[in-house]
Protein backbone atom coordinates (compact mmCIF):
# COMPACT_ATOMS: atom_id res chain seq x y z
CA MET A 1 37.97 19.57 78.22
CA GLU A 2 34.36 20.75 78.29
CA TYR A 3 33.89 19.41 74.77
CA ILE A 4 35.16 16.00 75.85
CA ARG A 5 32.76 15.90 78.83
CA ALA A 6 29.88 16.97 76.59
CA PHE A 7 30.83 14.34 74.04
CA TRP A 8 30.91 11.68 76.74
CA ARG A 9 27.48 12.70 78.07
CA VAL A 10 25.94 12.34 74.61
CA PHE A 11 27.81 9.08 74.04
CA VAL A 12 26.48 7.56 77.29
CA ARG A 13 22.98 8.83 76.53
CA GLU A 14 23.04 7.13 73.13
CA VAL A 15 24.38 3.86 74.54
CA ARG A 16 21.50 3.80 77.04
CA THR A 17 19.02 4.52 74.25
CA PHE A 18 20.54 1.71 72.21
CA GLY A 19 20.19 -0.72 75.12
CA ASN A 20 16.56 0.22 75.80
CA HIS A 21 15.22 -0.13 72.25
CA LYS A 22 15.29 -3.44 70.37
CA VAL A 23 14.88 -1.72 67.02
CA PHE A 24 18.32 -0.11 67.36
CA TYR A 25 19.88 -3.49 68.10
CA ARG A 26 18.15 -5.11 65.13
CA LEU A 27 19.13 -2.36 62.70
CA SER A 28 22.72 -2.12 63.86
CA VAL A 29 23.65 -5.70 64.75
CA GLY A 30 21.06 -8.39 64.11
CA LEU A 31 19.95 -7.67 60.56
CA PRO A 32 23.43 -6.87 59.16
CA ILE A 33 24.83 -10.17 60.46
CA LEU A 34 21.83 -12.09 59.13
CA SER A 35 22.26 -10.47 55.72
CA PHE A 36 25.96 -11.43 55.66
CA LEU A 37 25.10 -15.04 56.47
CA PHE A 38 22.32 -15.09 53.86
CA PHE A 39 24.61 -14.09 50.99
CA VAL A 40 27.45 -16.35 52.12
CA VAL A 41 25.09 -19.35 52.12
CA LEU A 42 23.50 -18.25 48.83
CA PHE A 43 26.85 -18.17 46.99
CA ARG A 44 28.55 -20.98 48.90
CA SER A 45 29.03 -23.13 45.77
CA GLY A 46 30.91 -20.32 44.01
CA VAL A 47 30.22 -21.60 40.50
CA PRO A 48 26.96 -22.92 38.96
CA HIS A 49 27.18 -26.66 38.37
CA ASP A 50 25.18 -29.30 36.50
CA MET A 51 22.86 -27.02 34.54
CA PRO A 52 20.33 -29.20 32.68
CA VAL A 53 21.07 -29.86 29.01
CA ALA A 54 19.05 -31.87 26.47
CA VAL A 55 20.78 -33.86 23.72
CA LEU A 56 19.32 -34.77 20.35
CA ASP A 57 21.64 -37.53 19.09
CA GLN A 58 20.53 -38.50 15.58
CA ASP A 59 23.73 -40.47 14.96
CA ASN A 60 23.60 -42.71 18.04
CA THR A 61 26.99 -44.31 17.39
CA PRO A 62 29.86 -45.07 19.80
CA LEU A 63 31.56 -41.84 18.70
CA SER A 64 28.50 -39.65 19.28
CA ARG A 65 27.81 -41.31 22.62
CA GLN A 66 31.39 -40.61 23.67
CA LEU A 67 30.88 -36.93 22.82
CA VAL A 68 27.70 -36.87 24.92
CA ARG A 69 29.57 -38.40 27.87
CA MET A 70 32.30 -35.76 27.54
CA ILE A 71 29.71 -32.95 27.58
CA ASP A 72 28.06 -34.51 30.63
CA ALA A 73 31.45 -34.63 32.38
CA THR A 74 31.95 -30.85 32.16
CA PRO A 75 31.44 -28.87 35.40
CA SER A 76 28.60 -26.69 34.13
CA ALA A 77 26.54 -29.10 32.03
CA LYS A 78 24.48 -32.13 32.97
CA VAL A 79 22.89 -34.16 30.19
CA ALA A 80 19.53 -34.51 31.88
CA TYR A 81 17.35 -35.34 28.88
CA ARG A 82 17.61 -37.30 25.62
CA ILE A 83 15.03 -35.88 23.23
CA ALA A 84 13.52 -37.32 20.07
CA GLY A 85 13.14 -34.08 18.13
CA MET A 86 13.79 -30.35 18.15
CA ASP A 87 10.11 -29.62 18.84
CA GLU A 88 10.43 -31.36 22.19
CA GLY A 89 13.63 -29.45 22.94
CA GLU A 90 12.02 -26.12 22.02
CA ARG A 91 9.11 -26.84 24.34
CA MET A 92 11.43 -27.72 27.23
CA MET A 93 13.51 -24.59 26.60
CA LYS A 94 10.40 -22.38 26.71
CA GLU A 95 9.24 -24.09 29.90
CA GLY A 96 12.60 -23.38 31.52
CA THR A 97 13.29 -27.08 32.07
CA ILE A 98 16.65 -26.94 30.27
CA ASP A 99 19.31 -24.32 29.60
CA ALA A 100 20.74 -25.72 26.36
CA ILE A 101 20.14 -28.19 23.53
CA VAL A 102 23.00 -30.05 21.84
CA PHE A 103 22.18 -31.35 18.35
CA ILE A 104 24.36 -34.15 16.93
CA PRO A 105 23.50 -34.80 13.25
CA ARG A 106 23.22 -38.13 11.45
CA ASP A 107 26.34 -39.71 9.99
CA LEU A 108 28.65 -37.95 12.46
CA GLU A 109 30.85 -41.01 12.87
CA LYS A 110 30.75 -41.85 9.16
CA ASN A 111 31.75 -38.30 8.15
CA VAL A 112 34.54 -38.16 10.73
CA TYR A 113 36.14 -41.38 9.53
CA SER A 114 35.76 -40.38 5.88
CA ASN A 115 37.45 -37.00 6.52
CA THR A 116 34.25 -35.11 5.70
CA GLN A 117 33.56 -32.02 7.75
CA THR A 118 30.55 -32.23 10.01
CA GLY A 119 29.14 -30.08 12.77
CA VAL A 120 27.61 -30.15 16.24
CA VAL A 121 25.09 -27.41 17.07
CA ALA A 122 24.32 -26.00 20.51
CA TYR A 123 21.27 -23.87 21.31
CA ILE A 124 21.91 -22.01 24.59
CA ASN A 125 19.52 -19.86 26.59
CA ASP A 126 21.09 -16.38 26.58
CA LEU A 127 18.60 -14.73 28.94
CA ASN A 128 21.02 -15.42 31.77
CA LEU A 129 24.47 -14.20 30.76
CA ALA A 130 26.26 -16.18 33.46
CA LYS A 131 24.67 -19.48 32.43
CA ASN A 132 25.22 -18.77 28.75
CA GLY A 133 28.87 -17.92 29.24
CA MET A 134 29.69 -21.03 31.23
CA LEU A 135 27.71 -23.47 29.08
CA ASN A 136 29.04 -21.95 25.87
CA LYS A 137 32.63 -22.19 27.10
CA ASP A 138 32.37 -25.76 28.37
CA ILE A 139 30.45 -27.18 25.40
CA GLN A 140 32.67 -25.42 22.87
CA THR A 141 35.83 -26.56 24.67
CA THR A 142 34.53 -30.13 24.80
CA VAL A 143 33.69 -30.28 21.10
CA THR A 144 37.03 -28.68 20.18
CA THR A 145 38.93 -31.14 22.37
CA PHE A 146 36.94 -34.04 20.93
CA SER A 147 37.66 -32.92 17.37
CA SER A 148 41.35 -32.37 18.12
CA GLY A 149 41.65 -35.85 19.57
CA ILE A 150 40.22 -37.37 16.40
CA GLN A 151 42.63 -35.36 14.23
CA ILE A 152 45.62 -36.43 16.32
CA GLN A 153 44.61 -40.09 16.06
CA THR A 154 44.20 -39.76 12.28
CA LEU A 155 47.66 -38.20 11.90
CA MET A 156 49.25 -40.82 14.15
CA LYS A 157 47.81 -43.57 11.93
CA LYS A 158 49.73 -41.97 9.06
CA GLY A 159 53.00 -42.56 10.93
CA LEU A 160 53.46 -39.31 12.86
CA SER A 161 54.37 -39.35 16.53
CA GLU A 162 51.94 -37.88 19.02
CA LYS A 163 54.12 -34.75 19.39
CA GLU A 164 54.41 -34.30 15.61
CA ALA A 165 50.68 -34.84 15.15
CA TYR A 166 49.89 -32.26 17.82
CA GLU A 167 52.29 -29.70 16.32
CA GLN A 168 50.88 -30.21 12.82
CA MET A 169 47.32 -29.91 14.03
CA MET A 170 48.07 -26.75 16.03
CA PRO A 171 51.10 -24.91 14.59
CA ILE A 172 50.37 -21.83 16.74
CA TYR A 173 50.06 -22.63 20.43
CA PHE A 174 47.81 -20.39 22.53
CA GLU A 175 48.44 -20.18 26.26
CA LYS A 176 45.97 -18.38 28.53
CA HIS A 177 46.61 -17.11 32.06
CA VAL A 178 43.49 -15.92 33.89
CA LEU A 179 44.43 -13.28 36.46
CA PHE A 180 42.88 -12.33 39.82
CA ASN A 181 39.92 -14.77 39.61
CA PRO A 182 41.31 -17.83 37.83
CA TYR A 183 38.54 -20.13 39.05
CA VAL A 184 35.77 -17.90 37.59
CA ASN A 185 34.30 -18.03 41.09
CA TYR A 186 31.13 -15.99 41.53
CA THR A 187 31.73 -15.86 45.28
CA TYR A 188 34.91 -13.84 44.67
CA TYR A 189 33.04 -11.72 42.14
CA LEU A 190 29.76 -10.97 43.93
CA LEU A 191 30.26 -11.20 47.70
CA PRO A 192 32.87 -8.38 47.89
CA VAL A 193 30.11 -6.07 46.62
CA PHE A 194 26.93 -7.60 48.07
CA LEU A 195 28.24 -7.61 51.66
CA PRO A 196 29.36 -3.93 51.58
CA VAL A 197 25.97 -3.05 50.06
CA MET A 198 24.27 -4.66 53.06
CA LEU A 199 26.64 -2.83 55.39
CA LEU A 200 26.00 0.56 53.78
CA ILE A 201 22.23 0.07 53.79
CA PHE A 202 22.09 -0.57 57.53
CA THR A 203 24.69 2.10 58.27
CA LEU A 204 22.72 4.77 56.44
CA ILE A 205 19.29 3.65 57.66
CA SER A 206 20.47 3.41 61.28
CA THR A 207 21.92 6.92 61.08
CA VAL A 208 18.72 8.34 59.62
CA PHE A 209 16.65 6.51 62.22
CA THR A 210 18.68 7.61 65.25
CA ILE A 211 18.46 11.28 64.26
CA GLY A 212 14.89 11.06 62.97
CA VAL A 213 13.63 9.52 66.21
CA GLU A 214 14.93 12.53 68.16
CA LEU A 215 12.86 14.82 65.94
CA LYS A 216 9.83 12.53 65.91
CA ASN A 217 9.75 12.18 69.70
CA GLY A 218 10.53 15.85 70.33
CA THR A 219 13.75 15.06 72.23
CA ALA A 220 16.09 16.82 69.80
CA ARG A 221 16.49 19.88 72.03
CA GLN A 222 17.39 17.65 74.99
CA TRP A 223 19.95 15.85 72.81
CA LEU A 224 21.49 19.18 71.80
CA SER A 225 21.50 20.57 75.35
CA THR A 226 23.28 17.42 76.59
CA ALA A 227 26.11 18.43 74.24
CA GLY A 228 26.19 21.98 75.57
CA ASP A 229 24.28 23.25 72.52
CA ASN A 230 27.20 22.30 70.29
CA ALA A 231 25.78 20.58 67.20
CA LEU A 232 29.10 19.03 66.17
CA VAL A 233 29.66 17.50 69.62
CA ALA A 234 26.05 16.29 69.72
CA LEU A 235 26.46 14.62 66.34
CA ALA A 236 29.82 13.06 67.18
CA GLY A 237 28.59 11.70 70.52
CA LYS A 238 25.43 10.24 68.99
CA LEU A 239 27.09 8.58 66.01
CA THR A 240 30.28 7.26 67.61
CA PRO A 241 28.63 4.17 69.18
CA TYR A 242 27.27 3.23 65.76
CA THR A 243 30.60 4.00 64.09
CA ILE A 244 32.21 1.48 66.43
CA ILE A 245 29.49 -1.10 65.77
CA PHE A 246 29.55 -0.77 61.99
CA PHE A 247 33.33 -0.68 61.79
CA ALA A 248 33.35 -3.91 63.82
CA LEU A 249 30.81 -5.32 61.35
CA CYS A 250 33.10 -4.23 58.51
CA MET A 251 35.95 -6.18 60.12
CA LEU A 252 33.61 -9.16 60.51
CA MET A 253 32.70 -8.82 56.84
CA ASN A 254 36.37 -8.86 55.82
CA THR A 255 37.04 -11.84 58.08
CA ILE A 256 34.21 -13.73 56.39
CA LEU A 257 35.50 -12.83 52.93
CA PHE A 258 39.18 -13.59 53.54
CA LYS A 259 39.10 -16.40 56.11
CA PHE A 260 35.92 -18.34 55.37
CA VAL A 261 35.06 -17.59 51.74
CA GLY A 262 38.70 -17.59 50.64
CA VAL A 263 38.83 -14.30 48.72
CA PRO A 264 42.52 -13.60 48.02
CA LEU A 265 44.29 -10.91 50.04
CA ASN A 266 47.24 -9.66 47.99
CA GLY A 267 47.54 -6.00 48.99
CA SER A 268 47.74 -3.62 51.93
CA VAL A 269 45.75 -4.70 55.01
CA PRO A 270 46.05 -1.27 56.74
CA LEU A 271 44.66 0.42 53.63
CA LEU A 272 41.70 -1.99 53.61
CA PHE A 273 41.05 -1.25 57.30
CA ALA A 274 41.25 2.51 56.67
CA SER A 275 38.91 2.26 53.70
CA GLY A 276 36.41 0.32 55.84
CA LEU A 277 36.37 3.04 58.49
CA VAL A 278 36.05 5.85 55.94
CA PHE A 279 33.32 3.86 54.16
CA VAL A 280 31.26 3.68 57.37
CA LEU A 281 31.85 7.36 58.18
CA ALA A 282 30.90 8.39 54.63
CA TYR A 283 27.51 6.67 54.78
CA GLN A 284 26.87 7.99 58.27
CA ALA A 285 27.58 11.47 56.91
CA ILE A 286 25.12 10.91 54.06
CA GLY A 287 22.52 9.74 56.59
CA VAL A 288 23.02 12.94 58.59
CA ALA A 289 22.68 15.03 55.43
CA ILE A 290 19.42 13.33 54.43
CA SER A 291 17.97 13.74 57.94
CA ALA A 292 19.01 17.39 58.19
CA LEU A 293 17.68 18.34 54.77
CA LEU A 294 14.33 16.52 54.98
CA SER A 295 13.66 16.62 58.77
CA ASN A 296 11.03 13.91 58.25
CA LEU A 297 11.65 10.38 59.51
CA ARG A 298 9.51 8.47 57.03
CA LEU A 299 10.63 10.46 53.98
CA SER A 300 14.27 10.29 55.09
CA LEU A 301 14.10 6.51 55.46
CA SER A 302 12.53 6.19 52.00
CA ILE A 303 15.11 8.42 50.31
CA GLY A 304 17.93 6.79 52.24
CA GLY A 305 16.80 3.31 51.24
CA GLY A 306 16.49 4.27 47.58
CA TYR A 307 19.89 5.94 47.55
CA SER A 308 21.46 2.88 49.19
CA VAL A 309 20.08 0.44 46.64
CA LEU A 310 21.16 2.61 43.71
CA ALA A 311 24.76 2.33 44.90
CA PHE A 312 24.89 -1.25 43.63
CA THR A 313 23.52 -0.23 40.22
CA PHE A 314 26.27 2.33 39.67
CA SER A 315 29.11 0.31 41.22
CA GLY A 316 30.19 -1.09 37.84
CA LEU A 317 29.74 -4.71 38.94
CA THR A 318 27.24 -5.82 36.32
CA PHE A 319 28.21 -3.32 33.61
CA PRO A 320 31.77 -1.93 33.37
CA PHE A 321 31.97 1.54 34.91
CA LEU A 322 34.30 2.90 32.21
CA ALA A 323 31.90 1.72 29.49
CA MET A 324 29.03 3.81 30.88
CA ASP A 325 28.10 7.12 29.28
CA LEU A 326 29.70 10.15 30.92
CA PRO A 327 26.48 11.42 32.61
CA VAL A 328 25.94 7.98 34.15
CA ARG A 329 29.56 7.81 35.32
CA ILE A 330 29.16 11.21 36.96
CA ILE A 331 26.16 9.89 38.90
CA GLY A 332 28.25 6.90 39.95
CA TYR A 333 30.75 9.22 41.62
CA VAL A 334 28.17 10.33 44.23
CA PHE A 335 28.17 6.88 45.84
CA PRO A 336 31.01 6.01 48.26
CA LEU A 337 30.53 2.35 47.34
CA THR A 338 32.07 3.06 43.92
CA TYR A 339 35.37 4.05 45.53
CA TYR A 340 35.25 1.33 48.18
CA VAL A 341 34.85 -1.39 45.56
CA ASP A 342 37.80 0.03 43.61
CA ILE A 343 39.95 -0.02 46.75
CA PHE A 344 38.88 -3.55 47.66
CA ILE A 345 39.54 -4.99 44.21
CA ASP A 346 42.87 -3.17 43.90
CA GLN A 347 44.16 -4.24 47.30
CA ALA A 348 42.52 -7.63 47.88
CA MET A 349 42.62 -9.17 44.41
CA ARG A 350 45.05 -7.25 42.23
CA GLY A 351 47.62 -6.50 44.91
CA ALA A 352 48.15 -3.03 43.45
CA PRO A 353 50.67 -0.67 45.11
CA PRO A 354 48.84 1.54 47.66
CA VAL A 355 49.97 4.68 45.83
CA TYR A 356 47.58 3.81 42.99
CA THR A 357 44.65 3.34 45.39
CA ILE A 358 45.05 6.05 47.99
CA ASN A 359 43.28 8.62 45.81
CA TYR A 360 40.02 6.62 46.06
CA LEU A 361 40.28 6.90 49.85
CA GLY A 362 40.58 10.67 49.46
CA TYR A 363 37.50 10.87 47.23
CA MET A 364 35.49 8.82 49.73
CA SER A 365 36.63 11.07 52.59
CA VAL A 366 34.98 14.09 50.95
CA PHE A 367 31.56 12.72 51.93
CA ILE A 368 32.50 13.02 55.62
CA LEU A 369 32.42 16.82 55.28
CA LEU A 370 28.68 16.87 54.50
CA PRO A 371 27.52 17.12 58.16
CA VAL A 372 29.93 20.00 58.81
CA VAL A 373 28.33 22.00 56.00
CA LEU A 374 24.85 21.22 57.33
CA LEU A 375 25.49 21.88 61.03
CA PRO A 376 23.52 25.18 61.06
CA ARG A 377 20.55 23.43 59.47
CA LEU A 378 20.79 20.53 61.94
CA LYS A 379 20.90 22.89 64.92
CA ARG A 380 17.87 24.78 63.64
CA ILE A 381 15.68 21.69 63.24
CA CYS A 382 16.74 20.49 66.70
CA THR A 383 15.61 23.74 68.34
CA ASP A 384 12.56 24.68 66.26
CA GLU A 385 9.46 22.75 67.35
CA LYS A 386 7.84 23.01 63.92
CA TYR A 387 10.22 20.27 62.75
CA TRP A 388 9.27 17.90 65.57
CA GLY A 389 6.68 15.15 65.62
CA ARG A 390 6.80 14.40 61.90
CA LEU A 391 6.49 10.74 60.94
């Protein structure tokens, strides 16, 4: 019972501190919500559209103009410029005015109707992999469809039915089913990682700041004495208000993703809720560990910020995690975000059975033990004045 009363005293003390300092409110509520809104607005379109393309049409016949119209009708490409030569196209590409050049050679129509093979060439800027992938797919699909249509018409003129012409042109039929993100929507791909990254940054920084301020202001001993000199109770009472706030923000984040953005929810909702709570607790634990080990507010904030940002790098979003070298993969395991992303993708998008995901929750829970290991160190820096007053 004494532990509960001590916990409540620290809890009330922290709530009062939170209410009296605007910086706590900004770090824990204002800035996280603003960051969520920023990324939702940034990726609201989901897929890049109408990327500028230049066309060099040396044939300039009804057939070539039809091909240009078909390219312009694709979702990703917009024929924004008609150029007179490749030198002009090269200049525009280097200036960043266009993302691709489509070259249609002379005698395209003549060669098509005389059954002579001809070609259409596309020069695509590959500096941006997303743009390159979408433009390459749409332009290639358009030219293939255009060519297939001409072949079908030629075969039908020889007396074949449309079905027979299609079967002769394509004896092996390929059918593709895109799973989990069939719309190739970058909102589904990026937001489920960017929003948790924002959440973890503010969770960790807020934890470091709340503990570091006690040391900086020399109130750490008072904080500990409020808890009856029990470091574990002091820590639990101080962090619980922020645990509640950040777990609520995690629920807000999931509501935004599932209700407003439209990310599919195919798996276990309770497991997603549990992973959100453990995710918040894990980064609070890391914040406690950084503060206890460094006992310096400015240095702790710097290290905490750097560690937070690195979580995105090793999450496997931009480069497949399993394709990384073993030493790099090992580094990736020291970030709770790695496990949280695996849980989210498994449960939200893949709809995997919980039994295949529960182990990630266990791995993430290991981080929560860090403060327990460092309790003696935390108690020492709270009672020894040589650790106080550091910026």
